[in-house]
């Protein structure tokens, strides 16, 4: 399994640390999985001309190559990634983790995420990192689906 984790960088204290925690928890449960952040992937090493691609083009390659893309929906950058890819043919790979306070919002970003692989969490789930259970369940579902040749 190749799992990508999008969200705020490590330089954003609370949310960046949460992304690292999610990555660590996935690695504990799926020891043979590759669990990476986009910034850990260098397309210049993998494909000819990869270093000349724009950031959205690079992220498209990353999304195409992964089995699951966990998006910690807590930053402007993550929101832009969601907006860019949620209507693509690869949208089924996204698992969007959003705070429950945005569940009933009537905003354009909320409309984009509607009826996608979106899970809502509350403050307690975020602080305790119980939201990682959503992630592990999704990864297990995709892994089983792959065994049976299904697109999940």
N, C-alpha and C. Protein backbone atom coordinates (compact mmCIF):
# COMPACT_ATOMS: atom_id res chain seq x y z
N UNK A 1 0.84 -1.18 0.00
CA UNK A 1 0.00 0.00 0.00
C UNK A 1 0.89 1.24 0.00
N UNK A 2 0.49 2.20 -0.79
CA UNK A 2 1.13 3.51 -0.82
C UNK A 2 0.13 4.52 -0.28
N UNK A 3 0.49 5.16 0.81
CA UNK A 3 -0.42 6.08 1.47
C UNK A 3 0.23 7.45 1.54
N UNK A 4 -0.49 8.43 1.11
CA UNK A 4 -0.03 9.81 1.09
C UNK A 4 -0.79 10.57 2.17
N UNK A 5 -0.11 11.43 2.90
CA UNK A 5 -0.75 12.24 3.93
C UNK A 5 -0.53 13.70 3.59
N UNK A 6 -1.63 14.39 3.28
CA UNK A 6 -1.58 15.82 2.98
C UNK A 6 -2.11 16.60 4.17
N UNK A 7 -1.56 17.78 4.35
CA UNK A 7 -2.01 18.66 5.43
C UNK A 7 -0.92 19.66 5.74
N UNK A 8 -1.05 20.34 6.86
CA UNK A 8 -0.09 21.38 7.20
C UNK A 8 1.31 20.80 7.45
N UNK A 9 2.31 21.62 7.16
CA UNK A 9 3.70 21.18 7.34
C UNK A 9 4.06 21.10 8.81
N UNK A 10 5.19 20.50 9.08
CA UNK A 10 5.67 20.36 10.45
C UNK A 10 5.90 21.71 11.11
N UNK A 11 6.06 22.77 10.33
CA UNK A 11 6.30 24.10 10.89
C UNK A 11 5.05 24.70 11.53
N UNK A 12 3.88 24.10 11.28
CA UNK A 12 2.64 24.53 11.92
C UNK A 12 2.47 23.64 13.15
N UNK A 13 2.77 24.15 14.34
CA UNK A 13 2.91 23.29 15.52
C UNK A 13 1.83 22.25 15.75
N UNK A 14 0.61 22.65 16.06
CA UNK A 14 -0.41 21.67 16.43
C UNK A 14 -0.79 20.75 15.27
N UNK A 15 -1.11 21.32 14.13
CA UNK A 15 -1.61 20.52 13.02
C UNK A 15 -0.51 19.73 12.32
N UNK A 16 0.68 20.30 12.23
CA UNK A 16 1.81 19.57 11.64
C UNK A 16 2.18 18.36 12.47
N UNK A 17 2.12 18.51 13.79
CA UNK A 17 2.39 17.38 14.68
C UNK A 17 1.32 16.30 14.53
N UNK A 18 0.08 16.71 14.30
CA UNK A 18 -1.01 15.74 14.13
C UNK A 18 -0.80 14.93 12.85
N UNK A 19 -0.31 15.60 11.80
CA UNK A 19 -0.04 14.88 10.55
C UNK A 19 1.07 13.85 10.77
N UNK A 20 2.09 14.20 11.54
CA UNK A 20 3.15 13.24 11.87
C UNK A 20 2.59 12.08 12.68
N UNK A 21 1.71 12.37 13.62
CA UNK A 21 1.10 11.32 14.44
C UNK A 21 0.27 10.37 13.58
N UNK A 22 -0.49 10.91 12.64
CA UNK A 22 -1.28 10.07 11.73
C UNK A 22 -0.34 9.18 10.93
N UNK A 23 0.72 9.75 10.40
CA UNK A 23 1.70 8.97 9.64
C UNK A 23 2.28 7.83 10.51
N UNK A 24 2.65 8.15 11.74
CA UNK A 24 3.22 7.13 12.64
C UNK A 24 2.23 6.01 12.94
N UNK A 25 0.96 6.38 13.19
CA UNK A 25 -0.05 5.37 13.50
C UNK A 25 -0.32 4.45 12.31
N UNK A 26 -0.34 5.01 11.11
CA UNK A 26 -0.54 4.18 9.92
C UNK A 26 0.63 3.21 9.77
N UNK A 27 1.84 3.70 9.97
CA UNK A 27 3.03 2.85 9.86
C UNK A 27 3.02 1.71 10.88
N UNK A 28 2.51 1.97 12.08
CA UNK A 28 2.43 0.93 13.11
C UNK A 28 1.49 -0.20 12.68
N UNK A 29 0.37 0.16 12.08
CA UNK A 29 -0.63 -0.84 11.69
C UNK A 29 -0.34 -1.49 10.34
N UNK A 30 0.33 -0.77 9.46
CA UNK A 30 0.62 -1.28 8.12
C UNK A 30 2.12 -1.19 7.90
N UNK A 31 2.83 -2.14 8.45
CA UNK A 31 4.30 -2.09 8.48
C UNK A 31 4.95 -2.17 7.11
N UNK A 32 4.27 -2.74 6.15
CA UNK A 32 4.83 -2.83 4.80
C UNK A 32 4.36 -1.70 3.88
N UNK A 33 3.57 -0.81 4.42
CA UNK A 33 3.05 0.31 3.61
C UNK A 33 4.10 1.42 3.52
N UNK A 34 4.04 2.12 2.42
CA UNK A 34 4.84 3.33 2.23
C UNK A 34 3.92 4.49 2.61
N UNK A 35 4.26 5.22 3.67
CA UNK A 35 3.42 6.31 4.16
C UNK A 35 4.25 7.58 4.10
N UNK A 36 3.91 8.46 3.14
CA UNK A 36 4.74 9.63 2.87
C UNK A 36 3.94 10.92 2.79
N UNK A 37 4.66 12.01 2.89
CA UNK A 37 4.13 13.35 2.61
C UNK A 37 4.62 13.72 1.22
N UNK A 38 3.91 14.60 0.53
CA UNK A 38 4.33 15.04 -0.80
C UNK A 38 5.74 15.60 -0.78
N UNK A 39 6.09 16.32 0.29
CA UNK A 39 7.42 16.92 0.33
C UNK A 39 8.54 15.89 0.43
N UNK A 40 8.19 14.63 0.73
CA UNK A 40 9.18 13.55 0.77
C UNK A 40 9.40 12.91 -0.59
N UNK A 41 8.58 13.28 -1.55
CA UNK A 41 8.63 12.66 -2.88
C UNK A 41 9.28 13.61 -3.87
N UNK A 42 10.28 13.14 -4.57
CA UNK A 42 10.96 13.95 -5.57
C UNK A 42 10.75 13.31 -6.93
N UNK A 43 9.89 13.90 -7.73
CA UNK A 43 9.59 13.32 -9.04
C UNK A 43 10.77 13.42 -10.00
N UNK A 44 11.70 14.34 -9.73
CA UNK A 44 12.89 14.45 -10.57
C UNK A 44 13.71 13.18 -10.55
N UNK A 45 13.61 12.41 -9.46
CA UNK A 45 14.31 11.13 -9.35
C UNK A 45 13.55 10.00 -10.02
N UNK A 46 12.26 10.19 -10.27
CA UNK A 46 11.41 9.11 -10.74
C UNK A 46 11.04 9.18 -12.22
N UNK A 47 10.78 10.39 -12.70
CA UNK A 47 10.35 10.53 -14.09
C UNK A 47 11.15 11.62 -14.79
N UNK A 48 11.37 11.42 -16.06
CA UNK A 48 12.10 12.43 -16.84
C UNK A 48 11.31 13.73 -16.87
N UNK A 49 11.96 14.82 -16.54
CA UNK A 49 11.32 16.13 -16.53
C UNK A 49 10.49 16.40 -15.30
N UNK A 50 10.52 15.51 -14.33
CA UNK A 50 9.70 15.66 -13.12
C UNK A 50 9.98 16.93 -12.36
N UNK A 51 11.21 17.39 -12.38
CA UNK A 51 11.57 18.61 -11.65
C UNK A 51 10.99 19.86 -12.30
N UNK A 52 10.50 19.75 -13.53
CA UNK A 52 9.93 20.90 -14.23
C UNK A 52 8.42 21.01 -14.06
N UNK A 53 7.81 20.06 -13.40
CA UNK A 53 6.37 20.08 -13.21
C UNK A 53 5.97 21.13 -12.18
N UNK A 54 4.79 21.71 -12.35
CA UNK A 54 4.26 22.63 -11.36
C UNK A 54 3.86 21.83 -10.11
N UNK A 55 3.60 22.52 -9.02
CA UNK A 55 3.20 21.83 -7.79
C UNK A 55 1.90 21.05 -8.00
N UNK A 56 0.85 21.62 -8.62
CA UNK A 56 -0.35 20.81 -8.86
C UNK A 56 -0.08 19.59 -9.74
N UNK A 57 0.80 19.72 -10.72
CA UNK A 57 1.14 18.57 -11.56
C UNK A 57 1.88 17.51 -10.76
N UNK A 58 2.78 17.93 -9.89
CA UNK A 58 3.48 16.98 -9.03
C UNK A 58 2.51 16.27 -8.10
N UNK A 59 1.59 17.04 -7.51
CA UNK A 59 0.61 16.44 -6.61
C UNK A 59 -0.32 15.48 -7.34
N UNK A 60 -0.61 15.77 -8.59
CA UNK A 60 -1.41 14.84 -9.39
C UNK A 60 -0.67 13.52 -9.56
N UNK A 61 0.62 13.57 -9.84
CA UNK A 61 1.43 12.35 -9.93
C UNK A 61 1.41 11.60 -8.59
N UNK A 62 1.58 12.34 -7.50
CA UNK A 62 1.58 11.70 -6.18
C UNK A 62 0.25 11.02 -5.91
N UNK A 63 -0.85 11.72 -6.22
CA UNK A 63 -2.18 11.15 -5.99
C UNK A 63 -2.42 9.92 -6.86
N UNK A 64 -1.99 10.00 -8.10
CA UNK A 64 -2.17 8.86 -9.02
C UNK A 64 -1.39 7.63 -8.53
N UNK A 65 -0.25 7.84 -7.91
CA UNK A 65 0.61 6.73 -7.49
C UNK A 65 0.20 6.12 -6.15
N UNK A 66 -0.63 6.83 -5.38
CA UNK A 66 -0.97 6.29 -4.05
C UNK A 66 -2.26 5.48 -4.11
N UNK A 67 -2.48 4.72 -3.04
CA UNK A 67 -3.73 3.97 -2.89
C UNK A 67 -4.76 4.76 -2.09
N UNK A 68 -4.26 5.49 -1.10
CA UNK A 68 -5.10 6.32 -0.25
C UNK A 68 -4.36 7.62 0.01
N UNK A 69 -5.09 8.72 -0.04
CA UNK A 69 -4.52 10.02 0.29
C UNK A 69 -5.33 10.61 1.43
N UNK A 70 -4.74 10.66 2.61
CA UNK A 70 -5.38 11.21 3.79
C UNK A 70 -5.13 12.72 3.77
N UNK A 71 -6.21 13.49 3.87
CA UNK A 71 -6.07 14.94 3.86
C UNK A 71 -6.55 15.49 5.19
N UNK A 72 -5.61 16.01 5.98
CA UNK A 72 -5.94 16.66 7.23
C UNK A 72 -6.37 18.09 6.88
N UNK A 73 -7.65 18.30 6.84
CA UNK A 73 -8.28 19.52 6.32
C UNK A 73 -8.23 20.65 7.35
N UNK A 74 -7.00 21.11 7.66
CA UNK A 74 -6.83 22.13 8.69
C UNK A 74 -6.03 23.33 8.21
N UNK A 75 -5.70 23.37 6.93
CA UNK A 75 -4.88 24.47 6.43
C UNK A 75 -5.34 24.91 5.05
N UNK A 76 -4.93 26.10 4.67
CA UNK A 76 -5.27 26.64 3.35
C UNK A 76 -4.74 25.73 2.25
N UNK A 77 -3.51 25.26 2.40
CA UNK A 77 -2.91 24.39 1.39
C UNK A 77 -3.68 23.10 1.20
N UNK A 78 -4.09 22.49 2.29
CA UNK A 78 -4.88 21.26 2.20
C UNK A 78 -6.22 21.53 1.52
N UNK A 79 -6.82 22.66 1.85
CA UNK A 79 -8.08 23.04 1.20
C UNK A 79 -7.92 23.23 -0.29
N UNK A 80 -6.78 23.79 -0.70
CA UNK A 80 -6.51 23.97 -2.13
C UNK A 80 -6.31 22.63 -2.82
N UNK A 81 -5.63 21.71 -2.15
CA UNK A 81 -5.45 20.38 -2.73
C UNK A 81 -6.79 19.67 -2.90
N UNK A 82 -7.64 19.79 -1.89
CA UNK A 82 -8.97 19.19 -1.98
C UNK A 82 -9.73 19.79 -3.15
N UNK A 83 -9.76 21.12 -3.23
CA UNK A 83 -10.50 21.80 -4.30
C UNK A 83 -9.97 21.40 -5.67
N UNK A 84 -8.67 21.22 -5.76
CA UNK A 84 -8.07 20.89 -7.06
C UNK A 84 -8.40 19.47 -7.52
N UNK A 85 -8.48 18.54 -6.57
CA UNK A 85 -8.60 17.13 -6.95
C UNK A 85 -9.93 16.45 -6.63
N UNK A 86 -10.80 17.10 -5.87
CA UNK A 86 -12.03 16.45 -5.43
C UNK A 86 -12.98 16.13 -6.59
N UNK A 87 -12.84 16.82 -7.69
CA UNK A 87 -13.70 16.54 -8.85
C UNK A 87 -12.99 15.72 -9.92
N UNK A 88 -11.79 15.26 -9.62
CA UNK A 88 -11.03 14.50 -10.60
C UNK A 88 -11.42 13.01 -10.54
N UNK A 89 -10.91 12.26 -11.50
CA UNK A 89 -11.14 10.81 -11.50
C UNK A 89 -10.43 10.12 -10.35
N UNK A 90 -9.54 10.83 -9.68
CA UNK A 90 -8.79 10.25 -8.56
C UNK A 90 -9.39 10.61 -7.21
N UNK A 91 -10.53 11.28 -7.20
CA UNK A 91 -11.15 11.74 -5.95
C UNK A 91 -11.46 10.59 -5.00
N UNK A 92 -11.71 9.40 -5.52
CA UNK A 92 -12.01 8.25 -4.66
C UNK A 92 -10.84 7.89 -3.74
N UNK A 93 -9.64 8.36 -4.06
CA UNK A 93 -8.47 8.07 -3.24
C UNK A 93 -8.36 8.98 -2.02
N UNK A 94 -9.07 10.09 -2.05
CA UNK A 94 -9.00 11.06 -0.95
C UNK A 94 -9.81 10.59 0.25
N UNK A 95 -9.26 10.76 1.43
CA UNK A 95 -9.99 10.64 2.68
C UNK A 95 -9.81 11.97 3.38
N UNK A 96 -10.86 12.76 3.39
CA UNK A 96 -10.81 14.12 3.90
C UNK A 96 -11.26 14.13 5.36
N UNK A 97 -10.38 14.59 6.25
CA UNK A 97 -10.69 14.67 7.67
C UNK A 97 -10.96 16.13 8.02
N UNK A 98 -12.22 16.42 8.37
CA UNK A 98 -12.68 17.79 8.59
C UNK A 98 -13.32 17.91 9.96
N UNK A 99 -13.08 19.05 10.61
CA UNK A 99 -13.70 19.29 11.91
C UNK A 99 -15.21 19.38 11.74
N UNK A 100 -15.94 18.85 12.72
CA UNK A 100 -17.40 18.79 12.64
C UNK A 100 -18.06 20.17 12.57
N UNK A 101 -17.38 21.23 13.00
CA UNK A 101 -17.99 22.56 12.95
C UNK A 101 -18.27 23.01 11.51
N UNK A 102 -17.64 22.33 10.53
CA UNK A 102 -17.86 22.68 9.13
C UNK A 102 -18.91 21.79 8.45
N UNK A 103 -19.47 20.86 9.19
CA UNK A 103 -20.44 19.92 8.62
C UNK A 103 -21.66 20.61 8.01
N UNK A 104 -22.19 21.59 8.66
CA UNK A 104 -23.43 22.25 8.22
C UNK A 104 -23.17 23.57 7.49
N UNK A 105 -21.94 23.87 7.20
CA UNK A 105 -21.61 25.13 6.53
C UNK A 105 -22.21 25.16 5.13
N UNK A 106 -22.58 26.33 4.68
CA UNK A 106 -23.14 26.50 3.34
C UNK A 106 -22.12 27.10 2.38
N UNK A 107 -20.86 26.90 2.65
CA UNK A 107 -19.81 27.52 1.84
C UNK A 107 -19.49 26.68 0.59
N UNK A 108 -18.82 27.32 -0.34
CA UNK A 108 -18.38 26.63 -1.55
C UNK A 108 -17.44 25.46 -1.23
N UNK A 109 -16.43 25.66 -0.34
CA UNK A 109 -15.57 24.52 0.00
C UNK A 109 -16.34 23.33 0.57
N UNK A 110 -17.36 23.61 1.37
CA UNK A 110 -18.17 22.53 1.93
C UNK A 110 -18.92 21.80 0.82
N UNK A 111 -19.44 22.54 -0.13
CA UNK A 111 -20.16 21.93 -1.25
C UNK A 111 -19.24 21.04 -2.08
N UNK A 112 -17.99 21.44 -2.24
CA UNK A 112 -17.04 20.62 -3.00
C UNK A 112 -16.80 19.27 -2.33
N UNK A 113 -16.75 19.26 -1.01
CA UNK A 113 -16.42 18.05 -0.26
C UNK A 113 -17.63 17.12 -0.08
N UNK A 114 -18.80 17.65 -0.30
CA UNK A 114 -20.03 16.90 -0.04
C UNK A 114 -20.08 15.60 -0.84
N UNK A 115 -20.50 14.54 -0.19
CA UNK A 115 -20.65 13.22 -0.80
C UNK A 115 -19.32 12.62 -1.25
N UNK A 116 -18.26 13.04 -0.66
CA UNK A 116 -16.93 12.46 -0.94
C UNK A 116 -16.54 11.63 0.27
N UNK A 117 -15.35 11.08 0.24
CA UNK A 117 -14.83 10.31 1.37
C UNK A 117 -14.39 11.29 2.45
N UNK A 118 -15.37 11.86 3.13
CA UNK A 118 -15.10 12.85 4.16
C UNK A 118 -15.57 12.32 5.50
N UNK A 119 -14.70 12.45 6.48
CA UNK A 119 -15.02 12.06 7.84
C UNK A 119 -14.92 13.30 8.72
N UNK A 120 -15.85 13.43 9.63
CA UNK A 120 -15.85 14.57 10.55
C UNK A 120 -15.38 14.12 11.92
N UNK A 121 -14.62 14.97 12.56
CA UNK A 121 -14.12 14.67 13.90
C UNK A 121 -14.45 15.85 14.82
N UNK A 122 -14.47 15.55 16.13
CA UNK A 122 -14.69 16.61 17.11
C UNK A 122 -13.37 16.93 17.81
N UNK A 123 -13.40 17.89 18.72
CA UNK A 123 -12.17 18.32 19.40
C UNK A 123 -11.50 17.18 20.16
N UNK A 124 -12.32 16.38 20.84
CA UNK A 124 -11.76 15.27 21.62
C UNK A 124 -11.06 14.26 20.70
N UNK A 125 -11.70 13.90 19.61
CA UNK A 125 -11.09 12.94 18.68
C UNK A 125 -9.78 13.49 18.12
N UNK A 126 -9.75 14.78 17.86
CA UNK A 126 -8.54 15.40 17.31
C UNK A 126 -7.42 15.41 18.34
N UNK A 127 -7.74 15.86 19.54
CA UNK A 127 -6.72 15.95 20.59
C UNK A 127 -6.16 14.59 20.97
N UNK A 128 -7.02 13.59 21.05
CA UNK A 128 -6.58 12.25 21.44
C UNK A 128 -6.05 11.45 20.25
N UNK A 129 -6.22 11.99 19.06
CA UNK A 129 -5.84 11.35 17.79
C UNK A 129 -6.68 10.10 17.51
N UNK A 130 -7.88 10.03 18.10
CA UNK A 130 -8.80 8.93 17.79
C UNK A 130 -9.26 9.00 16.35
N UNK A 131 -9.13 10.15 15.70
CA UNK A 131 -9.54 10.26 14.31
C UNK A 131 -8.72 9.36 13.41
N UNK A 132 -7.57 8.90 13.91
CA UNK A 132 -6.75 7.99 13.11
C UNK A 132 -7.49 6.67 12.87
N UNK A 133 -8.47 6.34 13.69
CA UNK A 133 -9.26 5.13 13.46
C UNK A 133 -10.02 5.21 12.13
N UNK A 134 -10.50 6.40 11.78
CA UNK A 134 -11.13 6.59 10.47
C UNK A 134 -10.15 6.24 9.36
N UNK A 135 -8.93 6.71 9.54
CA UNK A 135 -7.89 6.49 8.53
C UNK A 135 -7.58 5.01 8.41
N UNK A 136 -7.38 4.34 9.54
CA UNK A 136 -7.03 2.92 9.52
C UNK A 136 -8.16 2.08 8.92
N UNK A 137 -9.39 2.43 9.21
CA UNK A 137 -10.53 1.72 8.62
C UNK A 137 -10.54 1.89 7.11
N UNK A 138 -10.29 3.11 6.64
CA UNK A 138 -10.28 3.35 5.19
C UNK A 138 -9.14 2.59 4.52
N UNK A 139 -7.96 2.60 5.13
CA UNK A 139 -6.81 1.90 4.55
C UNK A 139 -7.10 0.40 4.50
N UNK A 140 -7.69 -0.15 5.56
CA UNK A 140 -8.05 -1.58 5.57
C UNK A 140 -9.04 -1.89 4.45
N UNK A 141 -10.03 -1.03 4.28
CA UNK A 141 -11.05 -1.23 3.24
C UNK A 141 -10.41 -1.24 1.86
N UNK A 142 -9.52 -0.28 1.61
CA UNK A 142 -8.84 -0.21 0.31
C UNK A 142 -7.95 -1.42 0.12
N UNK A 143 -7.25 -1.85 1.16
CA UNK A 143 -6.36 -3.01 1.05
C UNK A 143 -7.14 -4.27 0.70
N UNK A 144 -8.27 -4.49 1.37
CA UNK A 144 -9.11 -5.65 1.06
C UNK A 144 -9.66 -5.54 -0.35
N UNK A 145 -10.10 -4.36 -0.72
CA UNK A 145 -10.60 -4.15 -2.09
C UNK A 145 -9.55 -4.47 -3.14
N UNK A 146 -8.32 -4.08 -2.87
CA UNK A 146 -7.23 -4.38 -3.83
C UNK A 146 -7.02 -5.88 -3.96
N UNK A 147 -7.17 -6.61 -2.86
CA UNK A 147 -7.02 -8.07 -2.92
C UNK A 147 -8.03 -8.69 -3.88
N UNK A 148 -9.20 -8.07 -3.96
CA UNK A 148 -10.26 -8.59 -4.83
C UNK A 148 -10.37 -7.83 -6.15
N UNK A 149 -9.39 -6.98 -6.43
CA UNK A 149 -9.36 -6.26 -7.70
C UNK A 149 -10.41 -5.19 -7.85
N UNK A 150 -10.86 -4.64 -6.73
CA UNK A 150 -11.89 -3.62 -6.75
C UNK A 150 -11.29 -2.23 -6.58
N UNK A 151 -11.95 -1.23 -7.12
CA UNK A 151 -11.57 0.16 -6.88
C UNK A 151 -12.45 0.67 -5.75
N UNK A 152 -11.83 0.92 -4.62
CA UNK A 152 -12.58 1.35 -3.43
C UNK A 152 -12.32 2.80 -3.14
